[in-house]
Amino acid sequence: AHTIASQVLTAWYHDRRRGLDALMLAGTRDLVAQLNHAARDIRTNGQPAGPEVALADGNRASTGDVIITRRNNRQLRTGRDQWVKNGDRWTVTAIHHDGSLDAQHQRSHRSITLPADYVEAWCELGYATTIHTAQGVTADTCHGLLTGEEDRQLAYTMLTRGRHANHAW
C-alpha cells in the first residue's frame, strides 16, 4: 500500500505542477489523513510554512494549503445566496493569530474568514478526501486509492469526480 500511495502522490503532484486541480481519494479517513499530510509535505518541501492552524483531521494548514469544509454553515456567507457548505474546497490565503483563517473558494473565487472554532472542528486538508465524502466534489483530475474493500457504488463515485481524467490505483 505504501508503494501505491507513493504512486498516487506522484501522479497528483505532476497534475498539480501542470496547473490542474487534482484530487486524491481513498476509502478510509486514516489513508486520507496520511495522503493529506504527505501532500502538504510535498507542497511545503518539508520546510516551515509560516503561521499554522490545527485542523479537525489532525493535520495543520498554512497560507497556500487547500482545505475542505465538512459542515454546512449558513452564517458563514460568501454572498447573498452562498454560504460555506460541506465538501467545499478552499485555498488558505491568510492565517490569523486567533486561529481563524482567510480562504478563497476554489470554484467561485469568493473569499471568507473562517472562525477558529469552525476551522478546528470542521476543516481538513483538501488534497485528499474519502470516497464517501467526495460526492458533490469535482476536480480536473482524480487519483483514487483502492484497497479492494470498496463496493461498486464507491468505485463509481471515485471514478466520476474528475472532469478530465479519473485514475484508479
N, C-alpha and C. Protein backbone atom coordinates (compact mmCIF):
# COMPACT_ATOMS: atom_id res chain seq x y z
N ALA A 1 0.83 -1.20 0.00
CA ALA A 1 0.00 0.00 0.00
C ALA A 1 0.87 1.25 0.00
N HIS A 2 2.05 1.17 0.65
CA HIS A 2 2.94 2.34 0.69
C HIS A 2 3.40 2.71 -0.72
N THR A 3 3.75 1.72 -1.52
CA THR A 3 4.22 1.97 -2.88
C THR A 3 3.10 2.57 -3.72
N ILE A 4 1.90 2.03 -3.60
CA ILE A 4 0.76 2.56 -4.34
C ILE A 4 0.47 3.99 -3.90
N ALA A 5 0.49 4.25 -2.59
CA ALA A 5 0.26 5.61 -2.10
C ALA A 5 1.30 6.56 -2.67
N SER A 6 2.55 6.12 -2.78
CA SER A 6 3.60 6.94 -3.37
C SER A 6 3.31 7.24 -4.83
N GLN A 7 2.79 6.23 -5.55
CA GLN A 7 2.44 6.44 -6.96
C GLN A 7 1.28 7.42 -7.10
N VAL A 8 0.29 7.31 -6.22
CA VAL A 8 -0.84 8.24 -6.24
C VAL A 8 -0.34 9.66 -5.98
N LEU A 9 0.50 9.82 -4.97
CA LEU A 9 1.06 11.14 -4.65
C LEU A 9 1.87 11.71 -5.80
N THR A 10 2.67 10.88 -6.45
CA THR A 10 3.49 11.35 -7.58
C THR A 10 2.60 11.81 -8.73
N ALA A 11 1.58 11.04 -9.06
CA ALA A 11 0.66 11.41 -10.15
C ALA A 11 -0.09 12.70 -9.80
N TRP A 12 -0.56 12.81 -8.56
CA TRP A 12 -1.24 14.02 -8.09
C TRP A 12 -0.31 15.22 -8.22
N TYR A 13 0.93 15.05 -7.76
CA TYR A 13 1.91 16.13 -7.80
C TYR A 13 2.17 16.60 -9.24
N HIS A 14 2.31 15.66 -10.17
CA HIS A 14 2.55 16.03 -11.57
C HIS A 14 1.36 16.79 -12.16
N ASP A 15 0.14 16.37 -11.81
CA ASP A 15 -1.04 17.11 -12.27
C ASP A 15 -1.05 18.53 -11.70
N ARG A 16 -0.74 18.65 -10.42
CA ARG A 16 -0.70 19.98 -9.79
C ARG A 16 0.35 20.87 -10.46
N ARG A 17 1.51 20.31 -10.76
CA ARG A 17 2.58 21.07 -11.42
C ARG A 17 2.14 21.55 -12.80
N ARG A 18 1.22 20.81 -13.43
CA ARG A 18 0.69 21.20 -14.74
C ARG A 18 -0.45 22.21 -14.61
N GLY A 19 -0.74 22.64 -13.37
CA GLY A 19 -1.77 23.65 -13.15
C GLY A 19 -3.17 23.09 -13.02
N LEU A 20 -3.28 21.78 -12.88
CA LEU A 20 -4.60 21.16 -12.75
C LEU A 20 -5.04 21.10 -11.29
N ASP A 21 -6.35 21.17 -11.08
CA ASP A 21 -6.93 20.93 -9.76
C ASP A 21 -7.05 19.43 -9.62
N ALA A 22 -6.08 18.83 -8.92
CA ALA A 22 -6.04 17.38 -8.76
C ALA A 22 -6.50 17.00 -7.37
N LEU A 23 -7.21 15.89 -7.27
CA LEU A 23 -7.75 15.41 -6.00
C LEU A 23 -7.41 13.94 -5.83
N MET A 24 -7.05 13.57 -4.60
CA MET A 24 -6.82 12.15 -4.28
C MET A 24 -7.99 11.66 -3.44
N LEU A 25 -8.39 10.41 -3.67
CA LEU A 25 -9.47 9.79 -2.91
C LEU A 25 -8.99 8.47 -2.33
N ALA A 26 -9.50 8.14 -1.16
CA ALA A 26 -9.21 6.86 -0.52
C ALA A 26 -10.44 6.44 0.29
N GLY A 27 -10.47 5.17 0.65
CA GLY A 27 -11.64 4.61 1.32
C GLY A 27 -11.74 4.88 2.81
N THR A 28 -10.62 5.22 3.46
CA THR A 28 -10.67 5.43 4.91
C THR A 28 -10.12 6.81 5.29
N ARG A 29 -10.60 7.32 6.41
CA ARG A 29 -10.14 8.62 6.91
C ARG A 29 -8.65 8.56 7.24
N ASP A 30 -8.20 7.39 7.71
CA ASP A 30 -6.78 7.21 8.03
C ASP A 30 -5.90 7.40 6.80
N LEU A 31 -6.25 6.71 5.71
CA LEU A 31 -5.49 6.84 4.46
C LEU A 31 -5.54 8.28 3.94
N VAL A 32 -6.70 8.90 4.04
CA VAL A 32 -6.85 10.28 3.58
C VAL A 32 -5.96 11.21 4.39
N ALA A 33 -5.95 11.07 5.71
CA ALA A 33 -5.11 11.93 6.56
C ALA A 33 -3.64 11.74 6.20
N GLN A 34 -3.23 10.49 5.92
CA GLN A 34 -1.84 10.23 5.52
C GLN A 34 -1.52 10.87 4.18
N LEU A 35 -2.42 10.73 3.21
CA LEU A 35 -2.21 11.34 1.89
C LEU A 35 -2.15 12.87 2.01
N ASN A 36 -3.05 13.44 2.81
CA ASN A 36 -3.05 14.89 3.00
C ASN A 36 -1.75 15.36 3.64
N HIS A 37 -1.30 14.65 4.66
CA HIS A 37 -0.05 15.02 5.34
C HIS A 37 1.12 14.97 4.36
N ALA A 38 1.19 13.91 3.57
CA ALA A 38 2.27 13.76 2.59
C ALA A 38 2.18 14.84 1.51
N ALA A 39 0.97 15.15 1.06
CA ALA A 39 0.78 16.19 0.04
C ALA A 39 1.23 17.55 0.56
N ARG A 40 0.93 17.83 1.81
CA ARG A 40 1.36 19.11 2.39
C ARG A 40 2.88 19.15 2.51
N ASP A 41 3.49 18.05 2.89
CA ASP A 41 4.95 17.99 2.94
C ASP A 41 5.55 18.26 1.56
N ILE A 42 4.94 17.70 0.52
CA ILE A 42 5.41 17.96 -0.84
C ILE A 42 5.25 19.44 -1.17
N ARG A 43 4.08 20.01 -0.85
CA ARG A 43 3.82 21.42 -1.17
C ARG A 43 4.80 22.34 -0.48
N THR A 44 5.11 22.07 0.78
CA THR A 44 5.99 22.96 1.54
C THR A 44 7.46 22.56 1.41
N ASN A 45 7.72 21.48 0.67
CA ASN A 45 9.08 20.98 0.51
C ASN A 45 9.73 20.68 1.86
N GLY A 46 8.90 20.27 2.83
CA GLY A 46 9.38 19.90 4.15
C GLY A 46 9.88 21.07 4.99
N GLN A 47 9.68 22.29 4.51
CA GLN A 47 10.16 23.49 5.21
C GLN A 47 9.03 24.10 6.04
N PRO A 48 9.37 24.87 7.09
CA PRO A 48 8.33 25.58 7.84
C PRO A 48 7.53 26.48 6.89
N ALA A 49 6.24 26.50 7.09
CA ALA A 49 5.35 27.20 6.15
C ALA A 49 4.77 28.48 6.72
N GLY A 50 5.33 29.01 7.79
CA GLY A 50 4.78 30.21 8.40
C GLY A 50 3.72 29.86 9.41
N PRO A 51 2.89 30.84 9.78
CA PRO A 51 1.84 30.58 10.79
C PRO A 51 0.93 29.44 10.34
N GLU A 52 0.55 28.60 11.30
CA GLU A 52 -0.29 27.43 11.02
C GLU A 52 -1.48 27.39 11.98
N VAL A 53 -2.50 26.64 11.55
CA VAL A 53 -3.64 26.35 12.43
C VAL A 53 -3.86 24.85 12.45
N ALA A 54 -4.38 24.35 13.57
CA ALA A 54 -4.73 22.93 13.70
C ALA A 54 -6.09 22.70 13.04
N LEU A 55 -6.20 21.57 12.35
CA LEU A 55 -7.44 21.21 11.66
C LEU A 55 -8.07 19.99 12.32
N ALA A 56 -9.32 19.73 11.95
CA ALA A 56 -10.09 18.63 12.55
C ALA A 56 -9.50 17.26 12.26
N ASP A 57 -8.73 17.11 11.19
CA ASP A 57 -8.18 15.79 10.82
C ASP A 57 -6.82 15.51 11.45
N GLY A 58 -6.36 16.41 12.34
CA GLY A 58 -5.07 16.22 13.00
C GLY A 58 -3.92 16.82 12.21
N ASN A 59 -4.19 17.30 11.00
CA ASN A 59 -3.17 17.97 10.20
C ASN A 59 -3.17 19.46 10.54
N ARG A 60 -2.23 20.18 9.95
CA ARG A 60 -2.11 21.62 10.12
C ARG A 60 -2.17 22.27 8.75
N ALA A 61 -2.59 23.53 8.72
CA ALA A 61 -2.68 24.27 7.45
C ALA A 61 -2.01 25.62 7.61
N SER A 62 -1.47 26.11 6.50
CA SER A 62 -0.88 27.44 6.44
C SER A 62 -1.28 28.08 5.11
N THR A 63 -0.87 29.30 4.90
CA THR A 63 -1.19 30.00 3.66
C THR A 63 -0.73 29.17 2.47
N GLY A 64 -1.62 29.01 1.50
CA GLY A 64 -1.33 28.23 0.30
C GLY A 64 -1.90 26.83 0.31
N ASP A 65 -2.26 26.33 1.49
CA ASP A 65 -2.83 24.98 1.57
C ASP A 65 -4.26 24.95 1.05
N VAL A 66 -4.66 23.77 0.55
CA VAL A 66 -6.05 23.52 0.17
C VAL A 66 -6.73 22.86 1.35
N ILE A 67 -7.89 23.38 1.73
CA ILE A 67 -8.69 22.79 2.80
C ILE A 67 -10.07 22.46 2.27
N ILE A 68 -10.76 21.60 3.00
CA ILE A 68 -12.14 21.25 2.66
C ILE A 68 -12.99 21.47 3.91
N THR A 69 -14.15 22.10 3.73
CA THR A 69 -15.06 22.33 4.86
C THR A 69 -15.98 21.13 4.97
N ARG A 70 -16.27 20.73 6.21
CA ARG A 70 -17.00 19.50 6.47
C ARG A 70 -18.37 19.71 7.11
N ARG A 71 -18.83 20.95 7.17
CA ARG A 71 -20.17 21.18 7.74
C ARG A 71 -20.78 22.42 7.11
N ASN A 72 -22.04 22.30 6.71
CA ASN A 72 -22.77 23.48 6.22
C ASN A 72 -22.88 24.50 7.35
N ASN A 73 -22.72 25.76 7.01
CA ASN A 73 -22.91 26.83 7.99
C ASN A 73 -23.44 28.06 7.26
N ARG A 74 -24.75 28.28 7.38
CA ARG A 74 -25.41 29.38 6.67
C ARG A 74 -25.04 30.74 7.23
N GLN A 75 -24.45 30.78 8.43
CA GLN A 75 -24.00 32.06 8.98
C GLN A 75 -22.69 32.52 8.34
N LEU A 76 -21.93 31.58 7.79
CA LEU A 76 -20.66 31.91 7.13
C LEU A 76 -20.95 32.12 5.65
N ARG A 77 -21.26 33.36 5.31
CA ARG A 77 -21.73 33.70 3.97
C ARG A 77 -20.61 34.21 3.07
N THR A 78 -20.67 33.79 1.80
CA THR A 78 -19.74 34.29 0.79
C THR A 78 -20.48 35.15 -0.23
N GLY A 79 -21.75 35.31 -0.04
CA GLY A 79 -22.60 36.10 -0.93
C GLY A 79 -24.03 36.02 -0.44
N ARG A 80 -24.92 36.74 -1.12
CA ARG A 80 -26.32 36.78 -0.69
C ARG A 80 -26.95 35.40 -0.63
N ASP A 81 -26.68 34.57 -1.63
CA ASP A 81 -27.27 33.23 -1.69
C ASP A 81 -26.23 32.13 -1.52
N GLN A 82 -25.05 32.47 -1.02
CA GLN A 82 -24.00 31.47 -0.90
C GLN A 82 -23.42 31.46 0.51
N TRP A 83 -23.14 30.24 0.99
CA TRP A 83 -22.58 30.08 2.32
C TRP A 83 -21.62 28.90 2.29
N VAL A 84 -20.92 28.69 3.38
CA VAL A 84 -19.96 27.59 3.49
C VAL A 84 -20.72 26.27 3.54
N LYS A 85 -20.32 25.35 2.66
CA LYS A 85 -21.01 24.07 2.57
C LYS A 85 -20.04 22.91 2.80
N ASN A 86 -20.60 21.81 3.28
CA ASN A 86 -19.85 20.57 3.42
C ASN A 86 -19.32 20.16 2.04
N GLY A 87 -18.03 19.91 1.95
CA GLY A 87 -17.43 19.49 0.69
C GLY A 87 -16.84 20.61 -0.14
N ASP A 88 -17.02 21.87 0.28
CA ASP A 88 -16.39 22.97 -0.44
C ASP A 88 -14.88 22.92 -0.26
N ARG A 89 -14.16 23.20 -1.34
CA ARG A 89 -12.69 23.24 -1.27
C ARG A 89 -12.22 24.69 -1.40
N TRP A 90 -11.22 25.04 -0.59
CA TRP A 90 -10.75 26.41 -0.46
C TRP A 90 -9.23 26.44 -0.48
N THR A 91 -8.67 27.58 -0.86
CA THR A 91 -7.24 27.82 -0.72
C THR A 91 -7.06 28.82 0.40
N VAL A 92 -6.21 28.48 1.37
CA VAL A 92 -5.95 29.37 2.51
C VAL A 92 -5.13 30.55 2.02
N THR A 93 -5.61 31.77 2.30
CA THR A 93 -4.90 32.97 1.87
C THR A 93 -4.24 33.71 3.03
N ALA A 94 -4.67 33.43 4.26
CA ALA A 94 -4.03 34.06 5.44
C ALA A 94 -4.42 33.29 6.69
N ILE A 95 -3.50 33.29 7.65
CA ILE A 95 -3.73 32.70 8.97
C ILE A 95 -3.69 33.84 9.98
N HIS A 96 -4.66 33.87 10.90
CA HIS A 96 -4.71 34.92 11.91
C HIS A 96 -4.27 34.38 13.27
N HIS A 97 -3.81 35.28 14.12
CA HIS A 97 -3.29 34.90 15.44
C HIS A 97 -4.32 34.17 16.30
N ASP A 98 -5.61 34.46 16.09
CA ASP A 98 -6.65 33.84 16.91
C ASP A 98 -7.05 32.45 16.42
N GLY A 99 -6.39 31.95 15.36
CA GLY A 99 -6.71 30.62 14.83
C GLY A 99 -7.73 30.64 13.70
N SER A 100 -8.27 31.81 13.37
CA SER A 100 -9.15 31.91 12.21
C SER A 100 -8.28 31.97 10.96
N LEU A 101 -8.92 31.80 9.81
CA LEU A 101 -8.16 31.89 8.57
C LEU A 101 -9.00 32.50 7.47
N ASP A 102 -8.32 33.11 6.52
CA ASP A 102 -8.97 33.62 5.32
C ASP A 102 -8.79 32.57 4.24
N ALA A 103 -9.84 32.36 3.43
CA ALA A 103 -9.77 31.35 2.38
C ALA A 103 -10.55 31.83 1.16
N GLN A 104 -10.11 31.34 0.00
CA GLN A 104 -10.78 31.64 -1.25
C GLN A 104 -11.36 30.35 -1.81
N HIS A 105 -12.66 30.39 -2.14
CA HIS A 105 -13.36 29.23 -2.68
C HIS A 105 -12.73 28.85 -4.02
N GLN A 106 -12.45 27.57 -4.23
CA GLN A 106 -11.75 27.15 -5.44
C GLN A 106 -12.58 27.25 -6.71
N ARG A 107 -13.89 27.26 -6.59
CA ARG A 107 -14.73 27.38 -7.80
C ARG A 107 -15.21 28.81 -8.01
N SER A 108 -15.82 29.41 -6.98
CA SER A 108 -16.42 30.74 -7.14
C SER A 108 -15.40 31.86 -6.97
N HIS A 109 -14.27 31.56 -6.35
CA HIS A 109 -13.21 32.52 -6.04
C HIS A 109 -13.64 33.57 -5.02
N ARG A 110 -14.76 33.33 -4.36
CA ARG A 110 -15.20 34.24 -3.29
C ARG A 110 -14.36 33.97 -2.05
N SER A 111 -14.16 35.02 -1.26
CA SER A 111 -13.32 34.90 -0.06
C SER A 111 -14.16 34.98 1.21
N ILE A 112 -13.61 34.40 2.27
CA ILE A 112 -14.29 34.39 3.56
C ILE A 112 -13.24 34.26 4.66
N THR A 113 -13.59 34.71 5.86
CA THR A 113 -12.81 34.42 7.05
C THR A 113 -13.55 33.35 7.82
N LEU A 114 -12.89 32.21 8.01
CA LEU A 114 -13.48 31.11 8.77
C LEU A 114 -13.03 31.25 10.22
N PRO A 115 -13.98 31.29 11.18
CA PRO A 115 -13.62 31.46 12.59
C PRO A 115 -12.84 30.26 13.13
N ALA A 116 -12.02 30.51 14.13
CA ALA A 116 -11.13 29.50 14.70
C ALA A 116 -11.89 28.25 15.14
N ASP A 117 -13.04 28.40 15.80
CA ASP A 117 -13.76 27.21 16.28
C ASP A 117 -14.28 26.36 15.12
N TYR A 118 -14.70 26.99 14.02
CA TYR A 118 -15.14 26.25 12.84
C TYR A 118 -13.94 25.53 12.20
N VAL A 119 -12.82 26.23 12.07
CA VAL A 119 -11.61 25.65 11.47
C VAL A 119 -11.18 24.41 12.23
N GLU A 120 -11.13 24.51 13.54
CA GLU A 120 -10.64 23.41 14.37
C GLU A 120 -11.58 22.21 14.35
N ALA A 121 -12.88 22.46 14.25
CA ALA A 121 -13.86 21.38 14.32
C ALA A 121 -14.26 20.82 12.96
N TRP A 122 -14.23 21.65 11.89
CA TRP A 122 -14.87 21.25 10.64
C TRP A 122 -14.03 21.42 9.38
N CYS A 123 -12.75 21.73 9.50
CA CYS A 123 -11.90 21.86 8.32
C CYS A 123 -10.82 20.79 8.32
N GLU A 124 -10.53 20.27 7.13
CA GLU A 124 -9.47 19.28 6.94
C GLU A 124 -8.64 19.72 5.75
N LEU A 125 -7.43 19.19 5.65
CA LEU A 125 -6.68 19.43 4.41
C LEU A 125 -7.50 18.87 3.26
N GLY A 126 -7.44 19.51 2.11
CA GLY A 126 -8.31 19.14 1.00
C GLY A 126 -7.61 18.59 -0.23
N TYR A 127 -6.41 18.07 -0.06
CA TYR A 127 -5.72 17.44 -1.19
C TYR A 127 -6.30 16.06 -1.46
N ALA A 128 -6.77 15.41 -0.40
CA ALA A 128 -7.38 14.09 -0.49
C ALA A 128 -8.63 14.08 0.37
N THR A 129 -9.58 13.24 0.01
CA THR A 129 -10.79 13.09 0.82
C THR A 129 -11.27 11.64 0.68
N THR A 130 -12.18 11.24 1.57
CA THR A 130 -12.70 9.88 1.46
C THR A 130 -13.66 9.80 0.27
N ILE A 131 -13.78 8.61 -0.26
CA ILE A 131 -14.70 8.40 -1.38
C ILE A 131 -16.12 8.73 -0.93
N HIS A 132 -16.47 8.32 0.30
CA HIS A 132 -17.82 8.59 0.84
C HIS A 132 -18.14 10.07 0.82
N THR A 133 -17.19 10.90 1.22
CA THR A 133 -17.47 12.33 1.34
C THR A 133 -17.15 13.09 0.05
N ALA A 134 -16.76 12.39 -1.00
CA ALA A 134 -16.42 13.06 -2.26
C ALA A 134 -17.64 13.33 -3.13
N GLN A 135 -18.81 12.81 -2.75
CA GLN A 135 -19.99 13.08 -3.55
C GLN A 135 -20.22 14.58 -3.60
N GLY A 136 -20.38 15.12 -4.80
CA GLY A 136 -20.55 16.55 -4.97
C GLY A 136 -19.25 17.29 -5.17
N VAL A 137 -18.11 16.65 -4.93
CA VAL A 137 -16.81 17.28 -5.14
C VAL A 137 -16.36 16.97 -6.56
N THR A 138 -15.85 17.99 -7.25
CA THR A 138 -15.34 17.80 -8.60
C THR A 138 -13.98 18.46 -8.71
N ALA A 139 -13.08 17.84 -9.44
CA ALA A 139 -11.74 18.40 -9.69
C ALA A 139 -11.41 18.13 -11.15
N ASP A 140 -10.31 18.70 -11.63
CA ASP A 140 -9.89 18.43 -13.01
C ASP A 140 -9.51 16.96 -13.17
N THR A 141 -8.70 16.45 -12.23
CA THR A 141 -8.29 15.05 -12.27
C THR A 141 -8.46 14.43 -10.90
N CYS A 142 -8.71 13.14 -10.89
CA CYS A 142 -8.88 12.42 -9.64
C CYS A 142 -8.00 11.19 -9.64
N HIS A 143 -7.33 10.96 -8.50
CA HIS A 143 -6.48 9.78 -8.32
C HIS A 143 -7.02 9.02 -7.12
N GLY A 144 -7.63 7.87 -7.35
CA GLY A 144 -8.25 7.10 -6.29
C GLY A 144 -7.40 5.92 -5.87
N LEU A 145 -7.26 5.74 -4.58
CA LEU A 145 -6.50 4.64 -4.00
C LEU A 145 -7.50 3.57 -3.54
N LEU A 146 -7.51 2.43 -4.25
CA LEU A 146 -8.42 1.33 -3.92
C LEU A 146 -7.71 0.30 -3.05
N THR A 147 -8.42 -0.21 -2.05
CA THR A 147 -7.85 -1.23 -1.17
C THR A 147 -8.42 -2.62 -1.48
N GLY A 148 -9.49 -2.67 -2.26
CA GLY A 148 -10.16 -3.93 -2.54
C GLY A 148 -11.39 -4.13 -1.67
N GLU A 149 -11.59 -3.25 -0.70
CA GLU A 149 -12.75 -3.32 0.21
C GLU A 149 -13.95 -2.54 -0.34
N GLU A 150 -13.74 -1.77 -1.40
CA GLU A 150 -14.79 -0.89 -1.92
C GLU A 150 -15.82 -1.67 -2.73
N ASP A 151 -17.07 -1.25 -2.63
CA ASP A 151 -18.09 -1.88 -3.46
C ASP A 151 -18.22 -1.10 -4.78
N ARG A 152 -19.08 -1.57 -5.63
CA ARG A 152 -19.25 -0.98 -6.96
C ARG A 152 -19.68 0.48 -6.89
N GLN A 153 -20.58 0.82 -5.95
CA GLN A 153 -21.05 2.19 -5.83
C GLN A 153 -19.92 3.15 -5.45
N LEU A 154 -19.05 2.71 -4.51
CA LEU A 154 -17.92 3.55 -4.11
C LEU A 154 -16.95 3.73 -5.27
N ALA A 155 -16.69 2.65 -5.99
CA ALA A 155 -15.79 2.74 -7.14
C ALA A 155 -16.36 3.70 -8.19
N TYR A 156 -17.66 3.63 -8.41
CA TYR A 156 -18.31 4.55 -9.36
C TYR A 156 -18.13 6.00 -8.91
N THR A 157 -18.40 6.27 -7.64
CA THR A 157 -18.24 7.62 -7.11
C THR A 157 -16.81 8.10 -7.33
N MET A 158 -15.84 7.25 -7.00
CA MET A 158 -14.43 7.62 -7.14
C MET A 158 -14.09 7.94 -8.60
N LEU A 159 -14.61 7.17 -9.51
CA LEU A 159 -14.24 7.30 -10.91
C LEU A 159 -15.05 8.36 -11.67
N THR A 160 -15.85 9.15 -10.94
CA THR A 160 -16.63 10.21 -11.60
C THR A 160 -16.38 11.58 -10.98
N ARG A 161 -15.33 11.74 -10.21
CA ARG A 161 -15.04 13.04 -9.58
C ARG A 161 -14.19 13.95 -10.45
N GLY A 162 -13.46 13.39 -11.40
CA GLY A 162 -12.58 14.19 -12.25
C GLY A 162 -13.27 14.61 -13.53
N ARG A 163 -13.17 15.91 -13.85
CA ARG A 163 -13.75 16.43 -15.09
C ARG A 163 -13.02 15.90 -16.32
N HIS A 164 -11.67 15.83 -16.26
CA HIS A 164 -10.86 15.48 -17.42
C HIS A 164 -10.29 14.07 -17.35
N ALA A 165 -10.00 13.58 -16.14
CA ALA A 165 -9.41 12.25 -16.02
C ALA A 165 -9.67 11.68 -14.63
N ASN A 166 -9.86 10.37 -14.58
CA ASN A 166 -10.02 9.63 -13.32
C ASN A 166 -9.11 8.42 -13.38
N HIS A 167 -8.31 8.27 -12.32
CA HIS A 167 -7.34 7.17 -12.27
C HIS A 167 -7.59 6.34 -11.02
N ALA A 168 -7.61 5.04 -11.18
CA ALA A 168 -7.75 4.12 -10.04
C ALA A 168 -6.42 3.43 -9.80
N TRP A 169 -5.95 3.47 -8.59
CA TRP A 169 -4.66 2.87 -8.22
C TRP A 169 -4.91 1.73 -7.26
